[in-house]
Protein backbone atom coordinates (compact mmCIF):
# COMPACT_ATOMS: atom_id res chain seq x y z
CA MET A 1 100.51 118.84 140.42
CA SER A 2 101.61 121.78 142.53
CA LEU A 3 103.39 124.69 140.99
CA LEU A 4 106.16 124.18 143.05
CA SER A 5 106.91 120.53 141.80
CA GLU A 6 106.61 121.76 138.52
CA LEU A 7 109.09 124.51 138.60
CA PHE A 8 111.31 122.24 140.73
CA ARG A 9 111.22 119.74 138.02
CA LYS A 10 112.75 122.69 135.70
CA LYS A 11 114.90 124.18 138.38
CA SER A 12 116.38 122.94 141.90
CA PRO A 13 116.81 126.32 143.55
CA ARG A 14 118.77 126.16 147.23
CA LEU A 15 115.78 125.36 149.97
CA GLU A 16 117.84 127.13 153.07
CA LYS A 17 118.84 131.11 152.82
CA PRO A 18 122.59 132.17 152.98
CA ILE A 19 122.00 131.86 157.08
CA GLY A 20 120.43 128.27 157.11
CA GLU A 21 117.21 129.45 157.48
CA PRO A 22 114.68 127.80 155.15
CA LYS A 23 112.84 129.57 152.22
CA THR A 24 109.06 130.20 151.93
CA SER A 25 107.36 129.16 149.17
CA ASN A 26 107.22 132.69 148.07
CA GLU A 27 110.71 133.12 148.18
CA LEU A 28 111.63 129.82 146.21
CA ILE A 29 108.60 130.66 143.01
CA ALA A 30 110.39 133.96 142.66
CA GLU A 31 113.96 132.20 142.58
CA VAL A 32 112.89 129.58 140.04
CA THR A 33 110.55 132.22 138.50
CA GLU A 34 113.35 134.95 138.12
CA GLY A 35 110.18 137.09 139.75
CA ALA A 36 108.29 136.31 137.46
CA ASN A 37 105.46 136.21 140.00
CA LEU A 38 106.43 139.57 141.53
CA VAL A 39 104.77 142.86 140.62
CA GLU A 40 107.33 145.54 141.64
CA GLY A 41 109.16 143.33 143.73
CA LYS A 42 106.14 141.76 145.45
CA GLN A 43 103.70 138.60 145.68
CA THR A 44 100.57 139.48 143.30
CA TRP A 45 98.84 138.16 146.75
CA LYS A 46 99.66 141.17 149.02
CA TYR A 47 98.14 143.44 146.49
CA ALA A 48 95.02 141.43 146.11
CA GLU A 49 93.27 143.56 148.82
CA GLU A 50 95.30 146.99 148.65
CA LYS A 51 95.08 147.87 145.11
CA LYS A 52 91.77 145.36 144.63
CA HIS A 53 89.75 148.44 142.91
CA ASP A 54 93.18 149.21 141.28
CA ILE A 55 92.42 148.00 137.24
CA GLU A 56 96.41 148.79 135.94
CA TYR A 57 97.90 146.48 139.90
CA MET A 58 94.74 143.90 138.77
CA ILE A 59 95.95 144.04 135.03
CA LYS A 60 99.64 143.46 136.30
CA CYS A 61 99.25 140.89 138.66
CA CYS A 62 97.64 138.99 135.70
CA HIS A 63 100.49 139.30 133.92
CA ALA A 64 102.29 138.19 136.60
CA GLU A 65 100.51 135.04 137.17
CA LEU A 66 100.22 133.95 133.19
CA LYS A 67 104.25 134.46 133.49
CA THR A 68 104.48 132.27 136.36
CA MET A 69 102.31 130.13 135.16
CA GLU A 70 103.94 129.28 132.16
CA LYS A 71 107.31 128.96 133.23
CA ALA A 72 105.52 126.07 135.04
CA GLY A 73 103.52 124.95 132.44
CA LEU A 74 100.14 125.16 134.40
CA VAL A 75 96.53 127.59 134.25
CA PRO A 76 96.88 130.70 136.16
CA ALA A 77 94.37 130.65 139.33
CA PRO A 78 91.13 133.13 138.28
CA TYR A 79 90.47 135.61 140.74
CA TYR A 80 92.47 138.12 139.52
CA PHE A 81 90.68 137.97 136.44
CA GLU A 82 87.14 137.62 137.51
CA VAL A 83 86.74 139.17 141.05
CA ARG A 84 89.41 141.74 140.96
CA SER A 85 89.31 143.17 137.24
CA ALA A 86 85.47 142.37 136.90
CA SER A 87 84.46 143.93 139.51
CA LYS A 88 86.63 146.97 138.66
CA ALA A 89 85.61 147.30 134.92
CA ASP A 90 82.06 146.45 135.83
CA SER A 91 81.79 149.56 138.53
CA GLY A 92 84.51 151.86 137.17
CA ASN A 93 81.84 152.27 133.35
CA ASP A 94 85.42 151.43 132.16
CA LYS A 95 84.72 150.15 128.21
CA LEU A 96 88.16 149.83 128.03
CA ALA A 97 88.53 147.32 130.78
CA VAL A 98 85.94 145.64 130.13
CA VAL A 99 87.49 144.75 126.46
CA ILE A 100 89.76 143.71 128.54
CA VAL A 101 88.47 141.48 131.04
CA GLN A 102 86.33 139.90 129.04
CA GLN A 103 89.41 139.01 126.02
CA ARG A 104 90.99 137.65 128.63
CA LYS A 105 88.52 135.30 129.94
CA GLY A 106 87.61 134.77 126.16
CA GLY A 107 84.53 137.16 125.99
CA ASP A 108 82.45 139.12 123.00
């Protein structure tokens, strides 16, 4: 099942904005999850390139993805967990970040 399908089973939002134009899937997800998928008001994917070397933002994105998927009963995409957080942690010699990433991935 898709994220939207799972979320719509739990809550049925209006598919159109008050002015009559259709809402985007991002707007619908934000509405149904009560903003769980947002970091500082933006979709997590908007930070993927802009903040890819900022471990704090990538951890915020991890939390947002986890909250969103928890609301839908699904598993989040590993992108923020594996690629961004791990590469930043490894390249920056940030021992705390390495531990956080390993814990999230189930490592030692």
